[in-house]
């Protein structure tokens, strides 16, 4: 199990309880609003909005919620204005952590992120301290029952994908940022529905953490991901499969 944003995506996808689903809907609504404000309310002409809507549908977000989010973005109804921001820091074991957020109050969000870092074994750092360790990539996830790895690879490689891999019944496609829309459109044209599709920060290299640091980092990343304003949490750690199986119960 890797500690980059893939962990955040899988955690979000498989999170089941109603409270967490409400936070997911809030996050997805903001992403739809920001995409609509930047590129208009027509998903056919706005690839970012189309991807946000696909993610929302994968989470069973009600259509009414999506329509209101689009209208807030296009100015048809009033709503908060969100802006993107990021925060950098370190977790247990010196793990680099990059948090991105969509917020209508940067002071509040910065205070929330700092509180979690300080309380749970991390430390905030200045801009540029860890961001150079990550690259912004397109990440799409597909249920293996929809299309297996070979079928997905046939569709996405010519569109610019860099890597296709399967883990725990999920096929993950990774591509350069500039190929994100082309790969998304190739999957859509082939009739392959994604469970999630996003631009995320993936680490160039990872560090393997020991048992104590693994527990601390997973808790810290999870709590940062749970913040209302958080979009993604990326971290450059890796946990061996056998250790992950051993500590899983302690994270419940």
C-alpha atoms as a PDB file:
ATOM      1  CA  UNK A   1       0.000   0.000   0.000  1.00  0.00           C
ATOM      2  CA  UNK A   2       1.511   3.256  -1.043  1.00  0.00           C
ATOM      3  CA  UNK A   3       1.225   6.488   0.886  1.00  0.00           C
ATOM      4  CA  UNK A   4       0.634   8.877  -2.017  1.00  0.00           C
ATOM      5  CA  UNK A   5      -2.707  10.302  -3.072  1.00  0.00           C
ATOM      6  CA  UNK A   6      -3.763   6.892  -4.321  1.00  0.00           C
ATOM      7  CA  UNK A   7      -4.312   6.008  -0.645  1.00  0.00           C
ATOM      8  CA  UNK A   8      -6.517   9.053  -0.237  1.00  0.00           C
ATOM      9  CA  UNK A   9      -8.531   8.142  -3.326  1.00  0.00           C
ATOM     10  CA  UNK A  10      -9.079   4.537  -2.283  1.00  0.00           C
ATOM     11  CA  UNK A  11      -9.972   5.575   1.250  1.00  0.00           C
ATOM     12  CA  UNK A  12     -12.501   8.089  -0.076  1.00  0.00           C
ATOM     13  CA  UNK A  13     -13.988   5.580  -2.505  1.00  0.00           C
ATOM     14  CA  UNK A  14     -14.465   2.843   0.081  1.00  0.00           C
ATOM     15  CA  UNK A  15     -15.480   5.000   3.052  1.00  0.00           C
ATOM     16  CA  UNK A  16     -18.962   3.832   3.974  1.00  0.00           C
ATOM     17  CA  UNK A  17     -20.567   5.728   6.844  1.00  0.00           C
ATOM     18  CA  UNK A  18     -23.046   8.557   6.363  1.00  0.00           C
ATOM     19  CA  UNK A  19     -20.972  11.221   8.109  1.00  0.00           C
ATOM     20  CA  UNK A  20     -18.014  10.574   5.836  1.00  0.00           C
ATOM     21  CA  UNK A  21     -20.288  10.442   2.789  1.00  0.00           C
ATOM     22  CA  UNK A  22     -21.627  13.894   3.703  1.00  0.00           C
ATOM     23  CA  UNK A  23     -18.069  15.259   3.736  1.00  0.00           C
ATOM     24  CA  UNK A  24     -17.388  13.576   0.403  1.00  0.00           C
ATOM     25  CA  UNK A  25     -20.467  15.239  -1.094  1.00  0.00           C
ATOM     26  CA  UNK A  26     -19.307  18.627   0.211  1.00  0.00           C
ATOM     27  CA  UNK A  27     -15.878  18.127  -1.338  1.00  0.00           C
ATOM     28  CA  UNK A  28     -17.262  16.921  -4.654  1.00  0.00           C
ATOM     29  CA  UNK A  29     -19.732  19.821  -4.750  1.00  0.00           C
ATOM     30  CA  UNK A  30     -16.886  22.303  -4.368  1.00  0.00           C
ATOM     31  CA  UNK A  31     -14.940  20.618  -7.162  1.00  0.00           C
ATOM     32  CA  UNK A  32     -17.980  20.835  -9.457  1.00  0.00           C
ATOM     33  CA  UNK A  33     -18.530  24.503  -8.549  1.00  0.00           C
ATOM     34  CA  UNK A  34     -14.897  25.454  -9.188  1.00  0.00           C
ATOM     35  CA  UNK A  35     -14.851  23.564 -12.506  1.00  0.00           C
ATOM     36  CA  UNK A  36     -18.090  25.223 -13.632  1.00  0.00           C
ATOM     37  CA  UNK A  37     -16.827  28.681 -12.648  1.00  0.00           C
ATOM     38  CA  UNK A  38     -13.578  28.172 -14.574  1.00  0.00           C
ATOM     39  CA  UNK A  39     -14.930  26.558 -17.733  1.00  0.00           C
ATOM     40  CA  UNK A  40     -18.702  26.982 -17.870  1.00  0.00           C
ATOM     41  CA  UNK A  41     -21.642  24.803 -16.927  1.00  0.00           C
ATOM     42  CA  UNK A  42     -21.760  22.531 -19.990  1.00  0.00           C
ATOM     43  CA  UNK A  43     -19.910  19.273 -19.196  1.00  0.00           C
ATOM     44  CA  UNK A  44     -19.624  18.441 -22.903  1.00  0.00           C
ATOM     45  CA  UNK A  45     -17.536  21.567 -23.422  1.00  0.00           C
ATOM     46  CA  UNK A  46     -15.803  21.491 -20.026  1.00  0.00           C
ATOM     47  CA  UNK A  47     -13.662  18.348 -19.451  1.00  0.00           C
ATOM     48  CA  UNK A  48     -12.854  19.316 -15.853  1.00  0.00           C
ATOM     49  CA  UNK A  49     -16.547  19.626 -15.035  1.00  0.00           C
ATOM     50  CA  UNK A  50     -17.300  16.349 -16.776  1.00  0.00           C
ATOM     51  CA  UNK A  51     -14.646  14.571 -14.677  1.00  0.00           C
ATOM     52  CA  UNK A  52     -16.004  16.142 -11.473  1.00  0.00           C
ATOM     53  CA  UNK A  53     -19.530  15.013 -12.337  1.00  0.00           C
ATOM     54  CA  UNK A  54     -18.294  11.488 -13.088  1.00  0.00           C
ATOM     55  CA  UNK A  55     -16.611  11.347  -9.673  1.00  0.00           C
ATOM     56  CA  UNK A  56     -19.800  12.581  -8.014  1.00  0.00           C
ATOM     57  CA  UNK A  57     -21.899   9.968  -9.776  1.00  0.00           C
ATOM     58  CA  UNK A  58     -19.479   7.238  -8.736  1.00  0.00           C
ATOM     59  CA  UNK A  59     -20.170   8.282  -5.120  1.00  0.00           C
ATOM     60  CA  UNK A  60     -23.949   8.281  -5.736  1.00  0.00           C
ATOM     61  CA  UNK A  61     -24.215  12.015  -5.161  1.00  0.00           C
ATOM     62  CA  UNK A  62     -27.829  13.125  -5.827  1.00  0.00           C
ATOM     63  CA  UNK A  63     -28.434  14.886  -9.141  1.00  0.00           C
ATOM     64  CA  UNK A  64     -30.004  17.864  -7.347  1.00  0.00           C
ATOM     65  CA  UNK A  65     -26.766  18.429  -5.433  1.00  0.00           C
ATOM     66  CA  UNK A  66     -24.745  18.360  -8.636  1.00  0.00           C
ATOM     67  CA  UNK A  67     -27.100  20.762 -10.414  1.00  0.00           C
ATOM     68  CA  UNK A  68     -26.950  23.248  -7.528  1.00  0.00           C
ATOM     69  CA  UNK A  69     -23.146  23.039  -7.499  1.00  0.00           C
ATOM     70  CA  UNK A  70     -23.030  23.800 -11.224  1.00  0.00           C
ATOM     71  CA  UNK A  71     -25.398  26.757 -10.823  1.00  0.00           C
ATOM     72  CA  UNK A  72     -23.271  28.155  -7.994  1.00  0.00           C
ATOM     73  CA  UNK A  73     -20.288  27.971 -10.304  1.00  0.00           C
ATOM     74  CA  UNK A  74     -22.035  29.704 -13.204  1.00  0.00           C
ATOM     75  CA  UNK A  75     -23.540  32.363 -10.928  1.00  0.00           C
ATOM     76  CA  UNK A  76     -27.168  31.303 -11.424  1.00  0.00           C
ATOM     77  CA  UNK A  77     -27.529  30.969  -7.655  1.00  0.00           C
ATOM     78  CA  UNK A  78     -25.519  32.562  -4.857  1.00  0.00           C
ATOM     79  CA  UNK A  79     -22.799  30.679  -3.099  1.00  0.00           C
ATOM     80  CA  UNK A  80     -19.341  30.886  -1.557  1.00  0.00           C
ATOM     81  CA  UNK A  81     -16.314  31.544  -3.746  1.00  0.00           C
ATOM     82  CA  UNK A  82     -13.695  28.834  -3.370  1.00  0.00           C
ATOM     83  CA  UNK A  83     -10.020  29.083  -4.163  1.00  0.00           C
ATOM     84  CA  UNK A  84      -7.357  26.447  -4.392  1.00  0.00           C
ATOM     85  CA  UNK A  85      -4.450  26.440  -1.961  1.00  0.00           C
ATOM     86  CA  UNK A  86      -1.839  24.018  -0.660  1.00  0.00           C
ATOM     87  CA  UNK A  87       0.081  23.292   2.540  1.00  0.00           C
ATOM     88  CA  UNK A  88       3.321  21.425   3.078  1.00  0.00           C
ATOM     89  CA  UNK A  89       4.781  19.597   6.016  1.00  0.00           C
ATOM     90  CA  UNK A  90       6.380  16.508   7.484  1.00  0.00           C
ATOM     91  CA  UNK A  91       4.930  13.506   9.291  1.00  0.00           C
ATOM     92  CA  UNK A  92       6.486  10.856  11.552  1.00  0.00           C
ATOM     93  CA  UNK A  93       9.690   9.433  10.140  1.00  0.00           C
ATOM     94  CA  UNK A  94      10.294  12.595   8.113  1.00  0.00           C
ATOM     95  CA  UNK A  95       7.622  11.667   5.573  1.00  0.00           C
ATOM     96  CA  UNK A  96       6.840  14.567   3.209  1.00  0.00           C
ATOM     97  CA  UNK A  97       3.156  15.542   3.072  1.00  0.00           C
ATOM     98  CA  UNK A  98       1.436  17.841   0.564  1.00  0.00           C
ATOM     99  CA  UNK A  99      -2.173  18.915   1.237  1.00  0.00           C
ATOM    100  CA  UNK A 100      -4.328  20.629  -1.381  1.00  0.00           C
ATOM    101  CA  UNK A 101      -7.595  22.332  -0.466  1.00  0.00           C
ATOM    102  CA  UNK A 102     -10.568  24.241  -1.866  1.00  0.00           C
ATOM    103  CA  UNK A 103     -11.652  26.864   0.630  1.00  0.00           C
ATOM    104  CA  UNK A 104     -13.681  30.026   1.064  1.00  0.00           C
ATOM    105  CA  UNK A 105     -11.574  31.022   4.085  1.00  0.00           C
ATOM    106  CA  UNK A 106      -7.830  30.437   3.843  1.00  0.00           C
ATOM    107  CA  UNK A 107      -7.185  31.559   7.433  1.00  0.00           C
ATOM    108  CA  UNK A 108      -9.579  28.930   8.776  1.00  0.00           C
ATOM    109  CA  UNK A 109      -8.184  26.197   6.572  1.00  0.00           C
ATOM    110  CA  UNK A 110      -4.556  27.004   7.414  1.00  0.00           C
ATOM    111  CA  UNK A 111      -5.385  26.913  11.137  1.00  0.00           C
ATOM    112  CA  UNK A 112      -7.178  23.546  10.772  1.00  0.00           C
ATOM    113  CA  UNK A 113      -4.321  21.990   8.840  1.00  0.00           C
ATOM    114  CA  UNK A 114      -1.709  23.344  11.270  1.00  0.00           C
ATOM    115  CA  UNK A 115      -3.697  22.004  14.246  1.00  0.00           C
ATOM    116  CA  UNK A 116      -3.757  18.474  12.827  1.00  0.00           C
ATOM    117  CA  UNK A 117      -0.068  18.521  11.950  1.00  0.00           C
ATOM    118  CA  UNK A 118       0.937  19.769  15.405  1.00  0.00           C
ATOM    119  CA  UNK A 119      -1.375  17.486  17.382  1.00  0.00           C
ATOM    120  CA  UNK A 120      -0.641  14.252  15.557  1.00  0.00           C
ATOM    121  CA  UNK A 121       3.128  14.104  15.245  1.00  0.00           C
ATOM    122  CA  UNK A 122       3.691  16.287  12.195  1.00  0.00           C
ATOM    123  CA  UNK A 123       5.156  19.696  11.476  1.00  0.00           C
ATOM    124  CA  UNK A 124       4.098  22.374   8.985  1.00  0.00           C
ATOM    125  CA  UNK A 125       6.766  23.630   6.581  1.00  0.00           C
ATOM    126  CA  UNK A 126       7.151  26.584   4.254  1.00  0.00           C
ATOM    127  CA  UNK A 127       6.060  26.716   0.617  1.00  0.00           C
ATOM    128  CA  UNK A 128       8.394  24.699  -1.587  1.00  0.00           C
ATOM    129  CA  UNK A 129       9.758  22.579   1.247  1.00  0.00           C
ATOM    130  CA  UNK A 130       8.308  19.283  -0.034  1.00  0.00           C
ATOM    131  CA  UNK A 131       6.311  20.093  -3.177  1.00  0.00           C
ATOM    132  CA  UNK A 132       9.385  19.514  -5.365  1.00  0.00           C
ATOM    133  CA  UNK A 133       9.201  15.829  -4.370  1.00  0.00           C
ATOM    134  CA  UNK A 134       5.834  15.383  -6.143  1.00  0.00           C
ATOM    135  CA  UNK A 135       4.549  15.559  -9.704  1.00  0.00           C
ATOM    136  CA  UNK A 136       1.008  16.482 -10.706  1.00  0.00           C
ATOM    137  CA  UNK A 137      -0.451  13.483 -12.555  1.00  0.00           C
ATOM    138  CA  UNK A 138      -3.791  12.286 -13.833  1.00  0.00           C
ATOM    139  CA  UNK A 139      -5.084   9.297 -11.852  1.00  0.00           C
ATOM    140  CA  UNK A 140      -8.118   7.280 -12.968  1.00  0.00           C
ATOM    141  CA  UNK A 141      -9.502   4.258 -11.129  1.00  0.00           C
ATOM    142  CA  UNK A 142     -11.687   1.597 -12.733  1.00  0.00           C
ATOM    143  CA  UNK A 143     -13.392  -1.397 -11.150  1.00  0.00           C
ATOM    144  CA  UNK A 144     -11.771  -4.503 -12.612  1.00  0.00           C
ATOM    145  CA  UNK A 145     -15.237  -5.975 -13.258  1.00  0.00           C
ATOM    146  CA  UNK A 146     -15.849  -3.122 -15.739  1.00  0.00           C
ATOM    147  CA  UNK A 147     -12.591  -3.630 -17.651  1.00  0.00           C
ATOM    148  CA  UNK A 148      -9.454  -5.598 -16.861  1.00  0.00           C
ATOM    149  CA  UNK A 149      -5.921  -4.253 -17.030  1.00  0.00           C
ATOM    150  CA  UNK A 150      -5.213  -5.432 -20.590  1.00  0.00           C
ATOM    151  CA  UNK A 151      -8.405  -3.893 -21.971  1.00  0.00           C
ATOM    152  CA  UNK A 152      -7.742  -0.607 -20.194  1.00  0.00           C
ATOM    153  CA  UNK A 153      -4.133  -0.566 -21.386  1.00  0.00           C
ATOM    154  CA  UNK A 154      -5.210  -1.028 -25.005  1.00  0.00           C
ATOM    155  CA  UNK A 155      -7.400   2.067 -24.673  1.00  0.00           C
ATOM    156  CA  UNK A 156      -5.165   4.467 -22.759  1.00  0.00           C
ATOM    157  CA  UNK A 157      -1.576   3.915 -23.880  1.00  0.00           C
ATOM    158  CA  UNK A 158      -2.006   5.629 -27.247  1.00  0.00           C
ATOM    159  CA  UNK A 159      -3.784   8.507 -25.468  1.00  0.00           C
ATOM    160  CA  UNK A 160      -0.700   9.192 -23.372  1.00  0.00           C
ATOM    161  CA  UNK A 161      -0.969   7.037 -20.235  1.00  0.00           C
ATOM    162  CA  UNK A 162       2.301   6.207 -18.476  1.00  0.00           C
ATOM    163  CA  UNK A 163       1.268   3.293 -16.293  1.00  0.00           C
ATOM    164  CA  UNK A 164      -1.614   0.882 -15.735  1.00  0.00           C
ATOM    165  CA  UNK A 165      -1.706  -1.419 -12.696  1.00  0.00           C
ATOM    166  CA  UNK A 166      -4.206  -3.538 -10.797  1.00  0.00           C
ATOM    167  CA  UNK A 167      -4.530  -3.804  -7.014  1.00  0.00           C
ATOM    168  CA  UNK A 168      -7.406  -5.148  -4.899  1.00  0.00           C
ATOM    169  CA  UNK A 169      -9.795  -5.328  -7.848  1.00  0.00           C
ATOM    170  CA  UNK A 170      -9.105  -1.753  -8.987  1.00  0.00           C
ATOM    171  CA  UNK A 171      -7.300  -0.830 -12.209  1.00  0.00           C
ATOM    172  CA  UNK A 172      -5.373   2.428 -11.811  1.00  0.00           C
ATOM    173  CA  UNK A 173      -4.252   4.531 -14.775  1.00  0.00           C
ATOM    174  CA  UNK A 174      -1.558   7.191 -14.334  1.00  0.00           C
ATOM    175  CA  UNK A 175      -0.776   9.785 -16.978  1.00  0.00           C
ATOM    176  CA  UNK A 176       1.016  13.153 -17.293  1.00  0.00           C
ATOM    177  CA  UNK A 177      -1.081  16.174 -16.407  1.00  0.00           C
ATOM    178  CA  UNK A 178      -1.111  17.341 -20.015  1.00  0.00           C
ATOM    179  CA  UNK A 179      -2.558  13.978 -21.182  1.00  0.00           C
ATOM    180  CA  UNK A 180      -5.289  13.879 -18.533  1.00  0.00           C
ATOM    181  CA  UNK A 181      -8.176  15.000 -20.738  1.00  0.00           C
ATOM    182  CA  UNK A 182      -7.081  12.844 -23.692  1.00  0.00           C
ATOM    183  CA  UNK A 183      -6.901   9.715 -21.515  1.00  0.00           C
ATOM    184  CA  UNK A 184     -10.241  10.548 -19.859  1.00  0.00           C
ATOM    185  CA  UNK A 185     -11.861  10.995 -23.258  1.00  0.00           C
ATOM    186  CA  UNK A 186     -10.361   7.725 -24.543  1.00  0.00           C
ATOM    187  CA  UNK A 187     -11.867   5.819 -21.613  1.00  0.00           C
ATOM    188  CA  UNK A 188     -15.207   7.531 -22.118  1.00  0.00           C
ATOM    189  CA  UNK A 189     -15.216   6.781 -25.867  1.00  0.00           C
ATOM    190  CA  UNK A 190     -14.498   3.113 -25.107  1.00  0.00           C
ATOM    191  CA  UNK A 191     -17.440   2.976 -22.690  1.00  0.00           C
ATOM    192  CA  UNK A 192     -15.193   2.330 -19.667  1.00  0.00           C
ATOM    193  CA  UNK A 193     -16.657   4.070 -16.617  1.00  0.00           C
ATOM    194  CA  UNK A 194     -14.242   5.338 -13.968  1.00  0.00           C
ATOM    195  CA  UNK A 195     -14.871   5.134 -10.222  1.00  0.00           C
ATOM    196  CA  UNK A 196     -12.705   8.203  -9.731  1.00  0.00           C
ATOM    197  CA  UNK A 197     -10.709  10.533 -11.941  1.00  0.00           C
ATOM    198  CA  UNK A 198      -8.527  13.353 -10.649  1.00  0.00           C
ATOM    199  CA  UNK A 199      -5.344  15.331 -10.946  1.00  0.00           C
ATOM    200  CA  UNK A 200      -3.248  14.356  -7.941  1.00  0.00           C
ATOM    201  CA  UNK A 201       0.278  14.817  -6.657  1.00  0.00           C
ATOM    202  CA  UNK A 202       2.317  11.597  -6.763  1.00  0.00           C
ATOM    203  CA  UNK A 203       5.772  11.297  -5.198  1.00  0.00           C
ATOM    204  CA  UNK A 204       8.860  10.778  -7.341  1.00  0.00           C
ATOM    205  CA  UNK A 205      10.241   8.397  -4.716  1.00  0.00           C
ATOM    206  CA  UNK A 206       8.944   6.870  -1.486  1.00  0.00           C
ATOM    207  CA  UNK A 207      10.484   5.991   1.861  1.00  0.00           C
ATOM    208  CA  UNK A 208       9.619   2.762   3.651  1.00  0.00           C
ATOM    209  CA  UNK A 209       8.418   3.406   7.205  1.00  0.00           C
ATOM    210  CA  UNK A 210       8.623   1.142  10.239  1.00  0.00           C
ATOM    211  CA  UNK A 211       5.662  -0.005  12.305  1.00  0.00           C
ATOM    212  CA  UNK A 212       5.469   2.941  14.706  1.00  0.00           C
ATOM    213  CA  UNK A 213       5.910   5.549  12.001  1.00  0.00           C
ATOM    214  CA  UNK A 214       3.432   3.749   9.729  1.00  0.00           C
ATOM    215  CA  UNK A 215       0.676   4.033  12.334  1.00  0.00           C
ATOM    216  CA  UNK A 216       1.474   7.677  12.961  1.00  0.00           C
ATOM    217  CA  UNK A 217       1.619   8.644   9.299  1.00  0.00           C
ATOM    218  CA  UNK A 218      -1.593   6.822   8.392  1.00  0.00           C
ATOM    219  CA  UNK A 219      -3.457   8.499  11.235  1.00  0.00           C
ATOM    220  CA  UNK A 220      -2.062  11.917  10.334  1.00  0.00           C
ATOM    221  CA  UNK A 221      -2.857  11.531   6.621  1.00  0.00           C
ATOM    222  CA  UNK A 222      -6.331  10.236   7.449  1.00  0.00           C
ATOM    223  CA  UNK A 223      -7.127  13.161   9.733  1.00  0.00           C
ATOM    224  CA  UNK A 224      -5.848  15.682   7.192  1.00  0.00           C
ATOM    225  CA  UNK A 225      -7.976  13.996   4.533  1.00  0.00           C
ATOM    226  CA  UNK A 226     -11.025  14.241   6.807  1.00  0.00           C
ATOM    227  CA  UNK A 227     -10.834  18.040   7.043  1.00  0.00           C
ATOM    228  CA  UNK A 228     -13.786  19.655   5.286  1.00  0.00           C
ATOM    229  CA  UNK A 229     -11.667  21.854   3.016  1.00  0.00           C
ATOM    230  CA  UNK A 230      -9.156  19.197   1.947  1.00  0.00           C
ATOM    231  CA  UNK A 231      -9.100  18.065  -1.683  1.00  0.00           C
ATOM    232  CA  UNK A 232      -6.153  15.655  -1.687  1.00  0.00           C
ATOM    233  CA  UNK A 233      -3.420  14.511   0.675  1.00  0.00           C
ATOM    234  CA  UNK A 234      -0.196  13.204  -0.845  1.00  0.00           C
ATOM    235  CA  UNK A 235       2.700  11.664   1.070  1.00  0.00           C
ATOM    236  CA  UNK A 236       5.905   9.946   0.008  1.00  0.00           C
ATOM    237  CA  UNK A 237       5.836   6.846   2.199  1.00  0.00           C
ATOM    238  CA  UNK A 238       5.430   3.153   1.497  1.00  0.00           C
ATOM    239  CA  UNK A 239       4.243   0.403   3.831  1.00  0.00           C
ATOM    240  CA  UNK A 240       5.089  -3.243   3.065  1.00  0.00           C
ATOM    241  CA  UNK A 241       1.962  -5.354   2.499  1.00  0.00           C
ATOM    242  CA  UNK A 242       2.660  -7.653   5.446  1.00  0.00           C
ATOM    243  CA  UNK A 243       3.003  -4.697   7.835  1.00  0.00           C
ATOM    244  CA  UNK A 244      -0.135  -3.070   6.450  1.00  0.00           C
ATOM    245  CA  UNK A 245      -2.095  -6.261   7.132  1.00  0.00           C
ATOM    246  CA  UNK A 246      -0.702  -6.360  10.670  1.00  0.00           C
ATOM    247  CA  UNK A 247      -1.658  -2.800  11.624  1.00  0.00           C
ATOM    248  CA  UNK A 248      -4.938  -2.482   9.728  1.00  0.00           C
ATOM    249  CA  UNK A 249      -7.093  -3.292  12.775  1.00  0.00           C
ATOM    250  CA  UNK A 250      -5.460  -0.539  14.802  1.00  0.00           C
ATOM    251  CA  UNK A 251      -6.612   2.055  12.271  1.00  0.00           C
ATOM    252  CA  UNK A 252     -10.323   1.260  12.556  1.00  0.00           C
END
